[in-house]
Amino acid sequence: MNTRERIIKAIKKFNVQNNNQVNLASEAAVLELAELVHGAVLKQSPETYNEQQLYLFTNNATDEHK
């Protein structure tokens, strides 16, 4: 999913949460929507890493050669 799709998904989610009654004249609504879009754009989703790779880095023996 690209950035544009994530933003659209966040906006649609915001609209559904507000029963299709979004009032962007409200400062609270704008701040909430901005937080959702920020999360959609900047925060990584949990699918961006591999559990096995993390296991290798966090569970290696200290006397093992790297």
N, C-alpha and C. Protein backbone atom coordinates (compact mmCIF):
# COMPACT_ATOMS: atom_id res chain seq x y z
N MET A 1 0.85 -1.17 0.00
CA MET A 1 0.00 0.00 0.00
C MET A 1 0.90 1.24 0.00
N ASN A 2 0.68 2.14 -0.96
CA ASN A 2 1.51 3.34 -1.04
C ASN A 2 0.98 4.43 -0.11
N THR A 3 1.70 5.53 -0.03
CA THR A 3 1.36 6.61 0.90
C THR A 3 -0.02 7.19 0.59
N ARG A 4 -0.30 7.41 -0.68
CA ARG A 4 -1.60 7.99 -1.06
C ARG A 4 -2.74 7.10 -0.58
N GLU A 5 -2.61 5.80 -0.77
CA GLU A 5 -3.65 4.86 -0.35
C GLU A 5 -3.82 4.85 1.17
N ARG A 6 -2.71 4.96 1.90
CA ARG A 6 -2.79 5.00 3.36
C ARG A 6 -3.50 6.27 3.84
N ILE A 7 -3.24 7.40 3.17
CA ILE A 7 -3.91 8.65 3.54
C ILE A 7 -5.41 8.54 3.28
N ILE A 8 -5.77 8.03 2.12
CA ILE A 8 -7.19 7.88 1.78
C ILE A 8 -7.87 6.95 2.78
N LYS A 9 -7.20 5.87 3.14
CA LYS A 9 -7.76 4.93 4.12
C LYS A 9 -7.98 5.63 5.48
N ALA A 10 -7.02 6.46 5.89
CA ALA A 10 -7.15 7.18 7.17
C ALA A 10 -8.31 8.16 7.14
N ILE A 11 -8.48 8.85 6.02
CA ILE A 11 -9.59 9.80 5.89
C ILE A 11 -10.93 9.08 5.91
N LYS A 12 -11.00 7.96 5.19
CA LYS A 12 -12.25 7.18 5.18
C LYS A 12 -12.56 6.64 6.58
N LYS A 13 -11.54 6.19 7.29
CA LYS A 13 -11.73 5.69 8.66
C LYS A 13 -12.26 6.81 9.55
N PHE A 14 -11.71 8.00 9.42
CA PHE A 14 -12.15 9.15 10.20
C PHE A 14 -13.62 9.47 9.89
N ASN A 15 -13.98 9.43 8.62
CA ASN A 15 -15.35 9.70 8.21
C ASN A 15 -16.31 8.67 8.79
N VAL A 16 -15.95 7.41 8.77
CA VAL A 16 -16.81 6.35 9.32
C VAL A 16 -16.95 6.51 10.83
N GLN A 17 -15.85 6.82 11.51
CA GLN A 17 -15.90 7.01 12.97
C GLN A 17 -16.85 8.13 13.37
N ASN A 18 -17.04 9.09 12.48
CA ASN A 18 -17.90 10.23 12.76
C ASN A 18 -19.25 10.14 12.04
N ASN A 19 -19.64 8.92 11.68
CA ASN A 19 -20.95 8.66 11.06
C ASN A 19 -21.23 9.55 9.86
N ASN A 20 -20.20 9.75 9.02
CA ASN A 20 -20.33 10.58 7.81
C ASN A 20 -20.76 12.01 8.12
N GLN A 21 -20.46 12.48 9.32
CA GLN A 21 -20.82 13.83 9.74
C GLN A 21 -19.57 14.65 10.05
N VAL A 22 -18.55 14.52 9.23
CA VAL A 22 -17.28 15.20 9.49
C VAL A 22 -17.45 16.71 9.33
N ASN A 23 -17.02 17.44 10.34
CA ASN A 23 -17.09 18.90 10.33
C ASN A 23 -15.66 19.42 10.45
N LEU A 24 -15.07 19.75 9.33
CA LEU A 24 -13.68 20.21 9.35
C LEU A 24 -13.54 21.67 9.78
N ALA A 25 -14.65 22.30 10.11
CA ALA A 25 -14.58 23.63 10.71
C ALA A 25 -14.24 23.53 12.19
N SER A 26 -14.38 22.33 12.73
CA SER A 26 -14.06 22.08 14.14
C SER A 26 -12.56 21.83 14.28
N GLU A 27 -11.94 22.58 15.18
CA GLU A 27 -10.50 22.42 15.39
C GLU A 27 -10.17 21.03 15.92
N ALA A 28 -11.01 20.49 16.77
CA ALA A 28 -10.79 19.15 17.32
C ALA A 28 -10.83 18.10 16.21
N ALA A 29 -11.75 18.25 15.28
CA ALA A 29 -11.85 17.31 14.16
C ALA A 29 -10.62 17.39 13.27
N VAL A 30 -10.16 18.60 13.02
CA VAL A 30 -8.97 18.79 12.18
C VAL A 30 -7.75 18.16 12.85
N LEU A 31 -7.61 18.36 14.16
CA LEU A 31 -6.47 17.77 14.87
C LEU A 31 -6.53 16.25 14.87
N GLU A 32 -7.71 15.70 15.06
CA GLU A 32 -7.86 14.25 15.04
C GLU A 32 -7.54 13.68 13.66
N LEU A 33 -8.04 14.33 12.62
CA LEU A 33 -7.75 13.88 11.25
C LEU A 33 -6.26 14.01 10.95
N ALA A 34 -5.65 15.09 11.39
CA ALA A 34 -4.22 15.28 11.17
C ALA A 34 -3.42 14.17 11.84
N GLU A 35 -3.82 13.76 13.02
CA GLU A 35 -3.13 12.67 13.72
C GLU A 35 -3.27 11.35 12.96
N LEU A 36 -4.46 11.09 12.43
CA LEU A 36 -4.66 9.87 11.64
C LEU A 36 -3.81 9.87 10.37
N VAL A 37 -3.77 11.01 9.69
CA VAL A 37 -2.97 11.11 8.46
C VAL A 37 -1.49 11.00 8.80
N HIS A 38 -1.07 11.64 9.88
CA HIS A 38 0.33 11.56 10.33
C HIS A 38 0.71 10.10 10.57
N GLY A 39 -0.16 9.39 11.26
CA GLY A 39 0.10 7.97 11.52
C GLY A 39 0.15 7.16 10.24
N ALA A 40 -0.70 7.49 9.29
CA ALA A 40 -0.72 6.75 8.02
C ALA A 40 0.53 7.02 7.19
N VAL A 41 1.08 8.21 7.29
CA VAL A 41 2.22 8.58 6.46
C VAL A 41 3.55 8.23 7.11
N LEU A 42 3.71 8.57 8.37
CA LEU A 42 5.03 8.47 8.99
C LEU A 42 5.29 7.21 9.80
N LYS A 43 4.28 6.66 10.38
CA LYS A 43 4.50 5.49 11.22
C LYS A 43 4.57 4.23 10.38
N GLN A 44 5.50 3.36 10.72
CA GLN A 44 5.63 2.11 9.98
C GLN A 44 4.57 1.14 10.43
N SER A 45 4.10 0.39 9.48
CA SER A 45 3.13 -0.65 9.81
C SER A 45 3.87 -1.86 10.35
N PRO A 46 3.20 -2.73 11.10
CA PRO A 46 3.87 -3.89 11.68
C PRO A 46 4.40 -4.87 10.64
N GLU A 47 3.94 -4.80 9.41
CA GLU A 47 4.38 -5.74 8.39
C GLU A 47 5.73 -5.38 7.79
N THR A 48 6.38 -4.32 8.27
CA THR A 48 7.61 -3.87 7.63
C THR A 48 8.86 -4.59 8.13
N TYR A 49 8.73 -5.50 9.04
CA TYR A 49 9.89 -6.25 9.50
C TYR A 49 9.57 -7.74 9.49
N ASN A 50 10.62 -8.51 9.55
CA ASN A 50 10.50 -9.95 9.50
C ASN A 50 10.78 -10.51 10.90
N GLU A 51 9.85 -11.28 11.44
CA GLU A 51 10.01 -11.84 12.80
C GLU A 51 11.28 -12.69 12.91
N GLN A 52 11.61 -13.46 11.87
CA GLN A 52 12.80 -14.31 11.92
C GLN A 52 14.07 -13.46 11.97
N GLN A 53 14.11 -12.37 11.24
CA GLN A 53 15.28 -11.50 11.27
C GLN A 53 15.45 -10.89 12.66
N LEU A 54 14.36 -10.45 13.27
CA LEU A 54 14.47 -9.90 14.62
C LEU A 54 14.95 -10.96 15.60
N TYR A 55 14.50 -12.18 15.43
CA TYR A 55 14.92 -13.27 16.31
C TYR A 55 16.42 -13.47 16.22
N LEU A 56 16.96 -13.42 15.02
CA LEU A 56 18.40 -13.62 14.84
C LEU A 56 19.21 -12.53 15.54
N PHE A 57 18.72 -11.31 15.52
CA PHE A 57 19.46 -10.21 16.14
C PHE A 57 19.31 -10.18 17.65
N THR A 58 18.19 -10.61 18.18
CA THR A 58 17.96 -10.49 19.61
C THR A 58 18.29 -11.75 20.39
N ASN A 59 18.42 -12.88 19.73
CA ASN A 59 18.61 -14.14 20.44
C ASN A 59 19.89 -14.86 20.05
N ASN A 60 20.93 -14.13 19.74
CA ASN A 60 22.19 -14.81 19.41
C ASN A 60 23.06 -14.95 20.65
N ALA A 61 23.84 -15.99 20.66
CA ALA A 61 24.73 -16.23 21.80
C ALA A 61 25.89 -15.24 21.75
N THR A 62 26.36 -14.81 22.90
CA THR A 62 27.41 -13.81 22.92
C THR A 62 28.77 -14.37 22.52
N ASP A 63 28.99 -15.69 22.69
CA ASP A 63 30.27 -16.27 22.32
C ASP A 63 30.30 -16.72 20.85
N GLU A 64 29.22 -16.53 20.15
CA GLU A 64 29.14 -16.90 18.75
C GLU A 64 29.82 -15.86 17.88
N HIS A 65 30.50 -16.31 16.83
CA HIS A 65 31.12 -15.36 15.88
C HIS A 65 30.03 -14.67 15.09
N LYS A 66 30.27 -13.42 14.79
CA LYS A 66 29.27 -12.65 14.03
C LYS A 66 29.77 -12.36 12.64
